[in-house]
N, C-alpha and C. Protein backbone atom coordinates (compact mmCIF):
# COMPACT_ATOMS: atom_id res chain seq x y z
N MET A 1 -133.39 -99.65 -116.70
CA MET A 1 -133.96 -99.81 -115.38
C MET A 1 -133.35 -101.04 -114.71
N ARG A 2 -133.10 -100.92 -113.43
CA ARG A 2 -132.48 -102.00 -112.66
C ARG A 2 -133.50 -103.10 -112.35
N ALA A 3 -133.01 -104.32 -112.36
CA ALA A 3 -133.86 -105.44 -112.00
C ALA A 3 -134.11 -105.48 -110.49
N VAL A 4 -133.08 -105.10 -109.72
CA VAL A 4 -133.18 -105.08 -108.26
C VAL A 4 -132.88 -103.66 -107.80
N PRO A 5 -133.69 -103.11 -106.95
CA PRO A 5 -133.42 -101.74 -106.48
C PRO A 5 -132.06 -101.63 -105.81
N ARG A 6 -131.45 -100.46 -105.95
CA ARG A 6 -130.12 -100.20 -105.42
C ARG A 6 -130.06 -100.42 -103.90
N VAL A 7 -131.11 -100.08 -103.20
CA VAL A 7 -131.15 -100.23 -101.74
C VAL A 7 -131.01 -101.69 -101.34
N VAL A 8 -131.64 -102.57 -102.07
CA VAL A 8 -131.58 -103.99 -101.77
C VAL A 8 -130.16 -104.50 -101.98
N ASN A 9 -129.51 -104.09 -103.07
CA ASN A 9 -128.13 -104.51 -103.33
C ASN A 9 -127.21 -104.07 -102.21
N ALA A 10 -127.37 -102.85 -101.73
CA ALA A 10 -126.52 -102.33 -100.66
C ALA A 10 -126.72 -103.12 -99.37
N SER A 11 -127.97 -103.43 -99.04
CA SER A 11 -128.21 -104.16 -97.80
C SER A 11 -127.69 -105.59 -97.90
N LEU A 12 -127.81 -106.22 -99.06
CA LEU A 12 -127.26 -107.56 -99.23
C LEU A 12 -125.75 -107.55 -99.10
N PHE A 13 -125.12 -106.52 -99.64
CA PHE A 13 -123.67 -106.37 -99.54
C PHE A 13 -123.24 -106.23 -98.07
N LYS A 14 -123.97 -105.41 -97.31
CA LYS A 14 -123.65 -105.21 -95.90
C LYS A 14 -123.84 -106.51 -95.11
N GLN A 15 -124.89 -107.26 -95.44
CA GLN A 15 -125.12 -108.54 -94.76
C GLN A 15 -123.97 -109.51 -95.03
N GLN A 16 -123.51 -109.54 -96.28
CA GLN A 16 -122.40 -110.42 -96.64
C GLN A 16 -121.13 -110.01 -95.92
N GLN A 17 -120.89 -108.71 -95.82
CA GLN A 17 -119.72 -108.22 -95.11
C GLN A 17 -119.76 -108.64 -93.64
N GLU A 18 -120.93 -108.54 -93.05
CA GLU A 18 -121.10 -108.92 -91.64
C GLU A 18 -120.82 -110.41 -91.45
N LYS A 19 -121.31 -111.25 -92.37
CA LYS A 19 -121.04 -112.68 -92.30
C LYS A 19 -119.55 -112.96 -92.41
N ASP A 20 -118.89 -112.29 -93.36
CA ASP A 20 -117.45 -112.49 -93.56
C ASP A 20 -116.67 -112.09 -92.32
N ARG A 21 -117.05 -110.98 -91.71
CA ARG A 21 -116.34 -110.51 -90.52
C ARG A 21 -116.51 -111.49 -89.37
N LYS A 22 -117.71 -112.05 -89.21
CA LYS A 22 -117.94 -113.01 -88.14
C LYS A 22 -117.21 -114.32 -88.42
N ALA A 23 -117.10 -114.69 -89.69
CA ALA A 23 -116.44 -115.95 -90.04
C ALA A 23 -114.94 -115.88 -89.80
N SER A 24 -114.34 -114.71 -90.01
CA SER A 24 -112.90 -114.58 -89.79
C SER A 24 -112.65 -114.39 -88.30
N ASN A 25 -111.42 -114.57 -87.91
CA ASN A 25 -111.06 -114.40 -86.50
C ASN A 25 -110.55 -112.99 -86.26
N GLN A 26 -111.34 -111.99 -86.56
CA GLN A 26 -110.91 -110.62 -86.34
C GLN A 26 -110.97 -110.28 -84.87
N LEU A 27 -110.07 -109.39 -84.47
CA LEU A 27 -110.11 -108.88 -83.11
C LEU A 27 -111.25 -107.90 -82.98
N ALA A 28 -111.91 -107.94 -81.86
CA ALA A 28 -112.97 -106.97 -81.61
C ALA A 28 -112.34 -105.59 -81.39
N ARG A 29 -113.06 -104.55 -81.72
CA ARG A 29 -112.55 -103.20 -81.54
C ARG A 29 -112.25 -102.90 -80.07
N SER A 30 -112.91 -103.61 -79.19
CA SER A 30 -112.71 -103.36 -77.76
C SER A 30 -111.29 -103.73 -77.32
N PHE A 31 -110.55 -104.52 -78.13
CA PHE A 31 -109.19 -104.88 -77.78
C PHE A 31 -108.19 -103.77 -78.10
N SER A 32 -108.51 -102.88 -79.02
CA SER A 32 -107.53 -101.86 -79.39
C SER A 32 -107.52 -100.73 -78.36
N LEU A 33 -106.33 -100.34 -77.98
CA LEU A 33 -106.14 -99.28 -77.00
C LEU A 33 -106.08 -97.94 -77.72
N SER A 34 -106.79 -96.96 -77.20
CA SER A 34 -106.77 -95.64 -77.83
C SER A 34 -106.46 -94.52 -76.84
N ASP A 35 -106.42 -94.82 -75.55
CA ASP A 35 -106.13 -93.81 -74.54
C ASP A 35 -104.63 -93.53 -74.54
N ALA A 36 -104.24 -92.30 -74.91
CA ALA A 36 -102.83 -91.94 -75.04
C ALA A 36 -102.08 -92.07 -73.71
N ASN A 37 -102.71 -91.70 -72.61
CA ASN A 37 -102.05 -91.80 -71.31
C ASN A 37 -101.78 -93.25 -70.92
N LEU A 38 -102.72 -94.13 -71.23
CA LEU A 38 -102.54 -95.55 -70.95
C LEU A 38 -101.40 -96.12 -71.79
N ILE A 39 -101.36 -95.75 -73.06
CA ILE A 39 -100.30 -96.24 -73.95
C ILE A 39 -98.95 -95.72 -73.47
N ARG A 40 -98.87 -94.46 -73.04
CA ARG A 40 -97.62 -93.91 -72.50
C ARG A 40 -97.16 -94.69 -71.27
N SER A 41 -98.09 -95.03 -70.40
CA SER A 41 -97.72 -95.79 -69.20
C SER A 41 -97.22 -97.19 -69.55
N ILE A 42 -97.78 -97.80 -70.59
CA ILE A 42 -97.31 -99.11 -71.03
C ILE A 42 -95.93 -98.98 -71.66
N LEU A 43 -95.73 -97.94 -72.48
CA LEU A 43 -94.43 -97.73 -73.12
C LEU A 43 -93.34 -97.40 -72.10
N ALA A 44 -93.73 -96.93 -70.93
CA ALA A 44 -92.75 -96.64 -69.88
C ALA A 44 -92.18 -97.92 -69.27
N GLN A 45 -92.87 -99.05 -69.46
CA GLN A 45 -92.38 -100.33 -68.95
C GLN A 45 -91.20 -100.81 -69.79
N LYS A 46 -90.32 -101.57 -69.16
CA LYS A 46 -89.16 -102.11 -69.88
C LYS A 46 -89.64 -103.14 -70.91
N PRO A 47 -89.26 -102.98 -72.17
CA PRO A 47 -89.73 -103.91 -73.20
C PRO A 47 -88.88 -105.17 -73.27
N SER A 48 -89.44 -106.20 -73.86
CA SER A 48 -88.64 -107.35 -74.26
C SER A 48 -88.33 -107.11 -75.74
N ASN A 49 -87.05 -107.06 -76.05
CA ASN A 49 -86.62 -106.67 -77.40
C ASN A 49 -86.20 -107.88 -78.23
N THR A 50 -86.48 -107.79 -79.51
CA THR A 50 -85.93 -108.70 -80.49
C THR A 50 -85.19 -107.82 -81.51
N LYS A 51 -84.73 -108.42 -82.57
CA LYS A 51 -83.98 -107.65 -83.56
C LYS A 51 -84.83 -106.51 -84.15
N HIS A 52 -86.07 -106.79 -84.48
CA HIS A 52 -86.92 -105.81 -85.13
C HIS A 52 -88.00 -105.21 -84.24
N LEU A 53 -88.32 -105.85 -83.12
CA LEU A 53 -89.50 -105.47 -82.35
C LEU A 53 -89.20 -105.20 -80.88
N ALA A 54 -90.05 -104.37 -80.29
CA ALA A 54 -90.07 -104.18 -78.84
C ALA A 54 -91.50 -104.47 -78.39
N ILE A 55 -91.63 -105.27 -77.34
CA ILE A 55 -92.94 -105.64 -76.85
C ILE A 55 -93.06 -105.16 -75.40
N HIS A 56 -93.92 -104.18 -75.18
CA HIS A 56 -94.17 -103.62 -73.86
C HIS A 56 -95.45 -104.22 -73.32
N THR A 57 -95.43 -104.67 -72.06
CA THR A 57 -96.63 -105.23 -71.45
C THR A 57 -96.88 -104.61 -70.08
N LEU A 58 -98.13 -104.63 -69.68
CA LEU A 58 -98.54 -104.13 -68.38
C LEU A 58 -99.74 -104.95 -67.94
N ALA A 59 -99.74 -105.38 -66.69
CA ALA A 59 -100.87 -106.16 -66.19
C ALA A 59 -102.11 -105.28 -66.14
N GLY A 60 -103.21 -105.84 -66.49
CA GLY A 60 -104.48 -105.11 -66.52
C GLY A 60 -105.46 -105.86 -67.40
N GLU A 61 -106.45 -105.18 -67.89
CA GLU A 61 -107.39 -105.82 -68.80
C GLU A 61 -106.70 -106.08 -70.13
N SER A 62 -107.26 -106.90 -70.98
CA SER A 62 -106.66 -107.23 -72.26
C SER A 62 -106.80 -106.07 -73.24
N GLY A 63 -105.74 -105.83 -74.01
CA GLY A 63 -105.78 -104.80 -75.03
C GLY A 63 -104.47 -104.74 -75.78
N ILE A 64 -104.49 -104.13 -76.96
CA ILE A 64 -103.29 -104.05 -77.79
C ILE A 64 -103.22 -102.70 -78.49
N ALA A 65 -101.99 -102.22 -78.67
CA ALA A 65 -101.73 -101.04 -79.48
C ALA A 65 -100.53 -101.38 -80.37
N LEU A 66 -100.54 -100.93 -81.59
CA LEU A 66 -99.48 -101.21 -82.55
C LEU A 66 -98.83 -99.91 -82.98
N THR A 67 -97.51 -99.88 -83.04
CA THR A 67 -96.83 -98.70 -83.55
C THR A 67 -95.79 -99.13 -84.57
N VAL A 68 -95.94 -98.61 -85.77
CA VAL A 68 -94.98 -98.83 -86.84
C VAL A 68 -94.68 -97.46 -87.42
N PRO A 69 -93.61 -96.80 -86.93
CA PRO A 69 -93.33 -95.43 -87.35
C PRO A 69 -92.96 -95.32 -88.83
N LYS A 70 -93.37 -94.23 -89.41
CA LYS A 70 -93.05 -93.95 -90.81
C LYS A 70 -91.55 -93.80 -91.01
N LYS A 71 -90.89 -93.36 -89.97
CA LYS A 71 -89.44 -93.19 -90.03
C LYS A 71 -88.72 -94.52 -90.23
N LEU A 72 -89.31 -95.61 -89.72
CA LEU A 72 -88.67 -96.92 -89.79
C LEU A 72 -89.17 -97.77 -90.95
N ALA A 73 -90.37 -97.51 -91.43
CA ALA A 73 -90.94 -98.24 -92.56
C ALA A 73 -91.57 -97.20 -93.48
N LYS A 74 -90.86 -96.82 -94.51
CA LYS A 74 -91.27 -95.68 -95.35
C LYS A 74 -92.57 -95.93 -96.12
N ARG A 75 -92.71 -97.13 -96.65
CA ARG A 75 -93.86 -97.39 -97.51
C ARG A 75 -95.07 -97.82 -96.70
N ALA A 76 -96.23 -97.28 -97.04
CA ALA A 76 -97.47 -97.60 -96.33
C ALA A 76 -97.80 -99.09 -96.44
N ILE A 77 -97.51 -99.68 -97.58
CA ILE A 77 -97.82 -101.10 -97.76
C ILE A 77 -97.02 -101.95 -96.78
N ASP A 78 -95.78 -101.55 -96.50
CA ASP A 78 -94.95 -102.28 -95.55
C ASP A 78 -95.45 -102.08 -94.12
N ARG A 79 -95.82 -100.85 -93.78
CA ARG A 79 -96.33 -100.58 -92.44
C ARG A 79 -97.61 -101.38 -92.19
N ASN A 80 -98.49 -101.41 -93.18
CA ASN A 80 -99.75 -102.14 -93.04
C ASN A 80 -99.51 -103.65 -92.92
N ARG A 81 -98.56 -104.17 -93.68
CA ARG A 81 -98.27 -105.60 -93.62
C ARG A 81 -97.72 -105.97 -92.24
N ILE A 82 -96.84 -105.14 -91.71
CA ILE A 82 -96.27 -105.41 -90.38
C ILE A 82 -97.37 -105.36 -89.33
N LYS A 83 -98.28 -104.39 -89.45
CA LYS A 83 -99.39 -104.31 -88.49
C LYS A 83 -100.29 -105.54 -88.59
N ARG A 84 -100.53 -106.02 -89.81
CA ARG A 84 -101.34 -107.24 -89.98
C ARG A 84 -100.66 -108.43 -89.30
N LEU A 85 -99.33 -108.54 -89.45
CA LEU A 85 -98.60 -109.62 -88.80
C LEU A 85 -98.70 -109.51 -87.28
N MET A 86 -98.61 -108.27 -86.78
CA MET A 86 -98.72 -108.05 -85.33
C MET A 86 -100.09 -108.47 -84.82
N ARG A 87 -101.14 -108.04 -85.52
CA ARG A 87 -102.50 -108.39 -85.11
C ARG A 87 -102.71 -109.90 -85.14
N GLU A 88 -102.20 -110.54 -86.20
CA GLU A 88 -102.36 -111.99 -86.34
C GLU A 88 -101.68 -112.72 -85.18
N SER A 89 -100.46 -112.32 -84.84
CA SER A 89 -99.75 -113.01 -83.76
C SER A 89 -100.46 -112.78 -82.42
N TYR A 90 -100.99 -111.58 -82.19
CA TYR A 90 -101.72 -111.31 -80.96
C TYR A 90 -103.00 -112.14 -80.90
N ARG A 91 -103.72 -112.19 -82.02
CA ARG A 91 -104.99 -112.91 -82.06
C ARG A 91 -104.77 -114.41 -81.81
N GLN A 92 -103.70 -114.98 -82.38
CA GLN A 92 -103.46 -116.41 -82.22
C GLN A 92 -102.96 -116.77 -80.83
N ASN A 93 -102.38 -115.80 -80.13
CA ASN A 93 -101.86 -116.06 -78.79
C ASN A 93 -102.66 -115.32 -77.73
N LEU A 94 -103.92 -115.10 -78.00
CA LEU A 94 -104.77 -114.31 -77.12
C LEU A 94 -104.89 -114.90 -75.73
N LEU A 95 -104.95 -116.22 -75.63
CA LEU A 95 -105.09 -116.86 -74.32
C LEU A 95 -103.84 -116.68 -73.47
N ASN A 96 -102.65 -116.66 -74.10
CA ASN A 96 -101.41 -116.47 -73.36
C ASN A 96 -101.31 -115.06 -72.80
N LEU A 97 -101.98 -114.11 -73.43
CA LEU A 97 -101.87 -112.70 -73.05
C LEU A 97 -103.11 -112.21 -72.31
N GLU A 98 -103.89 -113.12 -71.79
CA GLU A 98 -105.11 -112.74 -71.07
C GLU A 98 -104.74 -111.88 -69.87
N GLY A 99 -105.39 -110.74 -69.74
CA GLY A 99 -105.14 -109.87 -68.60
C GLY A 99 -103.89 -109.02 -68.73
N GLN A 100 -103.42 -108.79 -69.97
CA GLN A 100 -102.24 -107.95 -70.18
C GLN A 100 -102.54 -106.91 -71.25
N LEU A 101 -102.04 -105.72 -71.01
CA LEU A 101 -102.08 -104.66 -72.02
C LEU A 101 -100.75 -104.74 -72.77
N VAL A 102 -100.81 -104.75 -74.08
CA VAL A 102 -99.61 -104.97 -74.90
C VAL A 102 -99.47 -103.84 -75.91
N VAL A 103 -98.23 -103.35 -76.04
CA VAL A 103 -97.90 -102.42 -77.12
C VAL A 103 -96.78 -103.06 -77.92
N LEU A 104 -97.04 -103.34 -79.19
CA LEU A 104 -96.04 -103.89 -80.09
C LEU A 104 -95.47 -102.74 -80.92
N ARG A 105 -94.14 -102.63 -80.92
CA ARG A 105 -93.50 -101.48 -81.57
C ARG A 105 -92.36 -101.95 -82.46
N LEU A 106 -92.32 -101.46 -83.69
CA LEU A 106 -91.20 -101.72 -84.58
C LEU A 106 -90.05 -100.86 -84.10
N ARG A 107 -88.85 -101.43 -83.96
CA ARG A 107 -87.74 -100.67 -83.40
C ARG A 107 -86.54 -100.58 -84.32
N LYS A 108 -86.53 -101.29 -85.44
CA LYS A 108 -85.40 -101.26 -86.35
C LYS A 108 -85.89 -100.93 -87.75
N LYS A 109 -85.13 -100.10 -88.42
CA LYS A 109 -85.50 -99.71 -89.78
C LYS A 109 -85.48 -100.94 -90.68
N ILE A 110 -86.51 -101.06 -91.51
CA ILE A 110 -86.57 -102.20 -92.43
C ILE A 110 -86.15 -101.75 -93.82
N GLY A 111 -85.69 -102.69 -94.60
CA GLY A 111 -85.37 -102.42 -95.99
C GLY A 111 -84.11 -101.61 -96.20
N GLU A 112 -83.16 -101.66 -95.27
CA GLU A 112 -81.93 -100.89 -95.44
C GLU A 112 -81.13 -101.36 -96.65
N SER A 113 -81.17 -102.67 -96.91
CA SER A 113 -80.41 -103.21 -98.04
C SER A 113 -81.24 -103.31 -99.32
N SER A 114 -82.52 -102.98 -99.24
CA SER A 114 -83.40 -103.17 -100.40
C SER A 114 -84.17 -101.90 -100.73
N SER A 115 -83.50 -100.78 -100.66
CA SER A 115 -84.07 -99.47 -101.00
C SER A 115 -85.41 -99.19 -100.32
N GLY A 116 -85.50 -99.52 -99.03
CA GLY A 116 -86.67 -99.17 -98.24
C GLY A 116 -87.86 -100.08 -98.38
N LYS A 117 -87.70 -101.23 -99.02
CA LYS A 117 -88.84 -102.14 -99.20
C LYS A 117 -88.70 -103.34 -98.27
N LEU A 118 -89.83 -103.77 -97.73
CA LEU A 118 -89.86 -104.96 -96.88
C LEU A 118 -89.73 -106.17 -97.79
N ARG A 119 -88.70 -106.94 -97.58
CA ARG A 119 -88.48 -108.13 -98.41
C ARG A 119 -88.93 -109.37 -97.65
N GLU A 120 -89.03 -110.47 -98.37
CA GLU A 120 -89.54 -111.72 -97.82
C GLU A 120 -88.72 -112.18 -96.62
N ARG A 121 -87.40 -112.04 -96.69
CA ARG A 121 -86.54 -112.48 -95.60
C ARG A 121 -86.85 -111.70 -94.32
N GLU A 122 -86.99 -110.39 -94.43
CA GLU A 122 -87.32 -109.56 -93.27
C GLU A 122 -88.71 -109.87 -92.75
N ARG A 123 -89.65 -110.07 -93.65
CA ARG A 123 -91.02 -110.38 -93.25
C ARG A 123 -91.05 -111.68 -92.45
N ARG A 124 -90.31 -112.70 -92.91
CA ARG A 124 -90.24 -113.97 -92.19
C ARG A 124 -89.60 -113.79 -90.82
N GLN A 125 -88.54 -112.99 -90.74
CA GLN A 125 -87.88 -112.74 -89.45
C GLN A 125 -88.83 -112.06 -88.47
N ILE A 126 -89.53 -111.05 -88.95
CA ILE A 126 -90.47 -110.33 -88.09
C ILE A 126 -91.57 -111.27 -87.62
N LYS A 127 -92.08 -112.09 -88.53
CA LYS A 127 -93.14 -113.03 -88.17
C LYS A 127 -92.66 -114.03 -87.12
N GLU A 128 -91.45 -114.57 -87.29
CA GLU A 128 -90.91 -115.51 -86.31
C GLU A 128 -90.72 -114.84 -84.95
N GLN A 129 -90.19 -113.63 -84.96
CA GLN A 129 -89.98 -112.90 -83.70
C GLN A 129 -91.30 -112.63 -83.00
N LEU A 130 -92.30 -112.23 -83.77
CA LEU A 130 -93.62 -111.97 -83.18
C LEU A 130 -94.19 -113.21 -82.54
N PHE A 131 -94.18 -114.31 -83.27
CA PHE A 131 -94.82 -115.52 -82.76
C PHE A 131 -94.04 -116.09 -81.59
N ASN A 132 -92.70 -115.98 -81.59
CA ASN A 132 -91.91 -116.47 -80.47
C ASN A 132 -92.14 -115.62 -79.22
N GLN A 133 -92.06 -114.30 -79.36
CA GLN A 133 -92.17 -113.42 -78.20
C GLN A 133 -93.58 -113.35 -77.65
N VAL A 134 -94.56 -113.18 -78.53
CA VAL A 134 -95.94 -113.04 -78.07
C VAL A 134 -96.44 -114.34 -77.48
N SER A 135 -96.03 -115.48 -78.04
CA SER A 135 -96.49 -116.75 -77.50
C SER A 135 -95.91 -117.03 -76.11
N LEU A 136 -94.78 -116.43 -75.80
CA LEU A 136 -94.20 -116.58 -74.47
C LEU A 136 -94.93 -115.73 -73.44
N GLY A 137 -95.73 -114.78 -73.94
CA GLY A 137 -96.48 -113.93 -73.03
C GLY A 137 -95.65 -112.84 -72.40
N LYS A 138 -94.55 -112.48 -73.05
CA LYS A 138 -93.67 -111.44 -72.51
C LYS A 138 -94.11 -110.08 -72.93
């Protein structure tokens, strides 16, 4: 027999998750763009390109969409890591991008020299490009 009922454990776990989420600097769901027509209109704008990334912006309310195609990053772990880097750079430069809709897009295949895996050198390059471009508000 359990010392604490299962329902109590679940509610305590949910409370802890809520505290952790509030403590971290997560983006609110309201920032993510989900309207396909809006994203298409943003992608129609001329991007500012770096070696690995294209950053499309459009004046309007604040919001972000991330695209990391499977064709360019084969492994899910790499796609997720790149998306985390994108979210982090957007979150840290949120004030510079106030009033802009942003679509961050991976534009160059990663891991060409390392059998399709994202290596530390590429990860650092992508991170530098993200922080330089997004901080400029382009």
